[in-house]
Amino acid sequence: QVYLAESGGGLVQAGGSLRLSCVVSGSIASIVAMGWYRRAPGKERDMVATITSDGSTNYADFVKGRFTISRDNAKNTVFLQMNSLRSEDTAVYYCHAQRSAGYVGDHDFWGQGTQVTVSS
């Protein structure tokens, strides 16, 4: 089992910054990728950024150049640094962990979400 706990959301003015954190616990060694996803009102849940076990990163076009995903393995934490925030970034942000397919049981794990609201 993998457990995820997000924090760092809040209310921020357009152009400002926030840093989201996701603390990971449980079967950490089984994780092959981590990511941040978001769901805005009336929209589907979208991938924001991912980072694989080898450090490769991937970003959605709508955040490229503004957001950075990183990790601190010593603290079992994944971060999402969000700069130059826009009102359209308003959403609930979810931390996600993908477990290796070689493990029995669930392969996808989600945090509870943290609300990010950007005022214009």
C-alpha atoms as a PDB file:
ATOM      1  CA  GLN A   1       0.000   0.000   0.000  1.00  0.00           C
ATOM      2  CA  VAL A   2       1.043   3.600  -0.686  1.00  0.00           C
ATOM      3  CA  TYR A   3      -0.207   6.592   1.258  1.00  0.00           C
ATOM      4  CA  LEU A   4      -0.093  10.173  -0.018  1.00  0.00           C
ATOM      5  CA  ALA A   5      -0.698  13.412   1.845  1.00  0.00           C
ATOM      6  CA  GLU A   6      -0.803  16.750   0.025  1.00  0.00           C
ATOM      7  CA  SER A   7      -0.391  20.190   1.511  1.00  0.00           C
ATOM      8  CA  GLY A   8       0.427  23.724   0.433  1.00  0.00           C
ATOM      9  CA  GLY A   9      -2.733  24.786  -1.335  1.00  0.00           C
ATOM     10  CA  GLY A  10      -4.433  28.048  -0.631  1.00  0.00           C
ATOM     11  CA  LEU A  11      -5.557  31.375  -1.998  1.00  0.00           C
ATOM     12  CA  VAL A  12      -3.081  33.407  -4.006  1.00  0.00           C
ATOM     13  CA  GLN A  13      -3.231  36.431  -6.273  1.00  0.00           C
ATOM     14  CA  ALA A  14      -2.602  36.043  -9.993  1.00  0.00           C
ATOM     15  CA  GLY A  15       1.107  36.215 -10.691  1.00  0.00           C
ATOM     16  CA  GLY A  16       1.981  34.766  -7.318  1.00  0.00           C
ATOM     17  CA  SER A  17       3.519  31.451  -6.323  1.00  0.00           C
ATOM     18  CA  LEU A  18       2.712  28.384  -4.274  1.00  0.00           C
ATOM     19  CA  ARG A  19       4.579  25.198  -3.493  1.00  0.00           C
ATOM     20  CA  LEU A  20       2.639  22.002  -3.038  1.00  0.00           C
ATOM     21  CA  SER A  21       4.060  19.089  -1.085  1.00  0.00           C
ATOM     22  CA  CYS A  22       3.175  15.405  -1.154  1.00  0.00           C
ATOM     23  CA  VAL A  23       4.523  13.187   1.600  1.00  0.00           C
ATOM     24  CA  VAL A  24       4.715   9.540   0.587  1.00  0.00           C
ATOM     25  CA  SER A  25       4.631   6.596   2.949  1.00  0.00           C
ATOM     26  CA  GLY A  26       4.121   2.862   2.713  1.00  0.00           C
ATOM     27  CA  SER A  27       5.664   0.746  -0.027  1.00  0.00           C
ATOM     28  CA  ILE A  28       7.834   3.530  -1.415  1.00  0.00           C
ATOM     29  CA  ALA A  29      10.284   1.227  -3.178  1.00  0.00           C
ATOM     30  CA  SER A  30       7.503  -0.073  -5.428  1.00  0.00           C
ATOM     31  CA  ILE A  31       6.761   3.367  -6.919  1.00  0.00           C
ATOM     32  CA  VAL A  32       7.948   3.953 -10.477  1.00  0.00           C
ATOM     33  CA  ALA A  33       6.456   7.401 -11.046  1.00  0.00           C
ATOM     34  CA  MET A  34       4.937  10.283  -9.130  1.00  0.00           C
ATOM     35  CA  GLY A  35       2.822  13.083 -10.441  1.00  0.00           C
ATOM     36  CA  TRP A  36       0.514  15.982  -9.882  1.00  0.00           C
ATOM     37  CA  TYR A  37      -2.929  16.157 -11.449  1.00  0.00           C
ATOM     38  CA  ARG A  38      -5.666  18.725 -11.164  1.00  0.00           C
ATOM     39  CA  ARG A  39      -9.392  19.027 -11.658  1.00  0.00           C
ATOM     40  CA  ALA A  40     -10.910  22.422 -12.370  1.00  0.00           C
ATOM     41  CA  PRO A  41     -14.644  23.082 -12.111  1.00  0.00           C
ATOM     42  CA  GLY A  42     -16.487  21.567 -15.056  1.00  0.00           C
ATOM     43  CA  LYS A  43     -13.381  19.901 -16.452  1.00  0.00           C
ATOM     44  CA  GLU A  44     -11.771  16.482 -16.459  1.00  0.00           C
ATOM     45  CA  ARG A  45      -8.816  15.654 -14.281  1.00  0.00           C
ATOM     46  CA  ASP A  46      -5.642  16.606 -16.153  1.00  0.00           C
ATOM     47  CA  MET A  47      -2.019  15.660 -15.744  1.00  0.00           C
ATOM     48  CA  VAL A  48       0.077  18.591 -14.617  1.00  0.00           C
ATOM     49  CA  ALA A  49       3.548  17.133 -14.118  1.00  0.00           C
ATOM     50  CA  THR A  50       5.166  13.752 -13.563  1.00  0.00           C
ATOM     51  CA  ILE A  51       8.544  12.500 -12.435  1.00  0.00           C
ATOM     52  CA  THR A  52       9.773   8.940 -12.891  1.00  0.00           C
ATOM     53  CA  SER A  53      12.091   6.890 -10.749  1.00  0.00           C
ATOM     54  CA  ASP A  54      15.045   7.819 -12.966  1.00  0.00           C
ATOM     55  CA  GLY A  55      14.301  11.533 -12.594  1.00  0.00           C
ATOM     56  CA  SER A  56      12.704  12.184 -15.968  1.00  0.00           C
ATOM     57  CA  THR A  57      10.026  14.861 -15.885  1.00  0.00           C
ATOM     58  CA  ASN A  58       7.060  15.651 -18.069  1.00  0.00           C
ATOM     59  CA  TYR A  59       4.792  18.696 -18.036  1.00  0.00           C
ATOM     60  CA  ALA A  60       1.468  19.637 -19.476  1.00  0.00           C
ATOM     61  CA  ASP A  61       1.721  22.384 -22.064  1.00  0.00           C
ATOM     62  CA  PHE A  62      -0.387  24.742 -19.994  1.00  0.00           C
ATOM     63  CA  VAL A  63       2.138  24.773 -17.130  1.00  0.00           C
ATOM     64  CA  LYS A  64       5.417  24.379 -19.007  1.00  0.00           C
ATOM     65  CA  GLY A  65       7.880  27.061 -17.995  1.00  0.00           C
ATOM     66  CA  ARG A  66       5.866  28.009 -14.918  1.00  0.00           C
ATOM     67  CA  PHE A  67       5.697  24.856 -12.794  1.00  0.00           C
ATOM     68  CA  THR A  68       8.482  22.569 -11.619  1.00  0.00           C
ATOM     69  CA  ILE A  69       8.135  19.096 -10.151  1.00  0.00           C
ATOM     70  CA  SER A  70      10.884  17.829  -7.882  1.00  0.00           C
ATOM     71  CA  ARG A  71      11.485  15.349  -5.106  1.00  0.00           C
ATOM     72  CA  ASP A  72      13.427  14.987  -1.901  1.00  0.00           C
ATOM     73  CA  ASN A  73      14.055  11.287  -1.434  1.00  0.00           C
ATOM     74  CA  ALA A  74      15.428  11.752   2.074  1.00  0.00           C
ATOM     75  CA  LYS A  75      12.101  13.233   3.140  1.00  0.00           C
ATOM     76  CA  ASN A  76       9.935  11.002   0.933  1.00  0.00           C
ATOM     77  CA  THR A  77       8.363  14.116  -0.501  1.00  0.00           C
ATOM     78  CA  VAL A  78       7.421  15.315  -3.977  1.00  0.00           C
ATOM     79  CA  PHE A  79       6.967  19.012  -4.643  1.00  0.00           C
ATOM     80  CA  LEU A  80       5.227  21.132  -7.221  1.00  0.00           C
ATOM     81  CA  GLN A  81       6.570  24.662  -7.403  1.00  0.00           C
ATOM     82  CA  MET A  82       3.990  26.850  -9.109  1.00  0.00           C
ATOM     83  CA  ASN A  83       5.019  30.292 -10.320  1.00  0.00           C
ATOM     84  CA  SER A  84       3.233  32.942 -12.361  1.00  0.00           C
ATOM     85  CA  LEU A  85      -0.107  31.538 -11.329  1.00  0.00           C
ATOM     86  CA  ARG A  86      -3.164  32.357 -13.391  1.00  0.00           C
ATOM     87  CA  SER A  87      -6.845  32.260 -12.572  1.00  0.00           C
ATOM     88  CA  GLU A  88      -7.247  29.228 -14.832  1.00  0.00           C
ATOM     89  CA  ASP A  89      -4.867  27.324 -12.543  1.00  0.00           C
ATOM     90  CA  THR A  90      -7.627  27.268  -9.949  1.00  0.00           C
ATOM     91  CA  ALA A  91      -8.358  23.619  -9.234  1.00  0.00           C
ATOM     92  CA  VAL A  92      -8.053  20.816  -6.755  1.00  0.00           C
ATOM     93  CA  TYR A  93      -4.557  19.384  -7.085  1.00  0.00           C
ATOM     94  CA  TYR A  94      -3.956  15.695  -6.447  1.00  0.00           C
ATOM     95  CA  CYS A  95      -0.774  13.797  -5.793  1.00  0.00           C
ATOM     96  CA  HIS A  96      -0.483  10.482  -7.637  1.00  0.00           C
ATOM     97  CA  ALA A  97       1.784   7.480  -7.308  1.00  0.00           C
ATOM     98  CA  GLN A  98       2.150   4.684  -9.834  1.00  0.00           C
ATOM     99  CA  ARG A  99       3.318   1.341  -8.531  1.00  0.00           C
ATOM    100  CA  SER A 100       5.272  -1.143 -10.605  1.00  0.00           C
ATOM    101  CA  ALA A 101       3.040  -3.567 -12.491  1.00  0.00           C
ATOM    102  CA  GLY A 102       5.043  -6.401 -10.979  1.00  0.00           C
ATOM    103  CA  TYR A 103       3.370  -5.882  -7.613  1.00  0.00           C
ATOM    104  CA  VAL A 104       0.129  -7.503  -6.589  1.00  0.00           C
ATOM    105  CA  GLY A 105      -2.781  -5.236  -5.808  1.00  0.00           C
ATOM    106  CA  ASP A 106      -3.508  -1.624  -6.673  1.00  0.00           C
ATOM    107  CA  HIS A 107      -1.134   0.144  -9.024  1.00  0.00           C
ATOM    108  CA  ASP A 108      -2.465   3.699  -8.725  1.00  0.00           C
ATOM    109  CA  PHE A 109      -2.733   5.720  -5.542  1.00  0.00           C
ATOM    110  CA  TRP A 110      -4.154   9.185  -4.975  1.00  0.00           C
ATOM    111  CA  GLY A 111      -3.975  11.779  -2.270  1.00  0.00           C
ATOM    112  CA  GLN A 112      -7.003  13.573  -0.904  1.00  0.00           C
ATOM    113  CA  GLY A 113      -6.355  16.735  -2.908  1.00  0.00           C
ATOM    114  CA  THR A 114      -5.520  20.295  -1.972  1.00  0.00           C
ATOM    115  CA  GLN A 115      -7.401  23.343  -3.198  1.00  0.00           C
ATOM    116  CA  VAL A 116      -5.548  26.034  -5.126  1.00  0.00           C
ATOM    117  CA  THR A 117      -7.475  29.221  -5.788  1.00  0.00           C
ATOM    118  CA  VAL A 118      -5.961  32.011  -7.867  1.00  0.00           C
ATOM    119  CA  SER A 119      -7.701  35.364  -7.775  1.00  0.00           C
ATOM    120  CA  SER A 120      -7.581  37.658 -10.784  1.00  0.00           C
END
